[in-house]
């Protein structure tokens, strides 16, 4: 299902990020990624497929991200 990125939250080292997106049906989800600086990669790699999280407000998906993403929960 197509989606659009709403906001991206980075860790202090900027090698991990959580992307909050909005689906075409108006619901929100998120994707957690890390940056691989291995030779021949140098790219963002998803830790899991797009989350099964389905929230209907930006506030609720933001709470989910901070509750589920370990480096943000600290």
Foldseek 3Di string as FASTA:
>chain_A
DDWAWDDKDADPVRQKIKTWIADPVQWIWIWIWGADPPPPGRGTDTPDPTDPDTHNDPVVNVVVCCVPPVSNVD
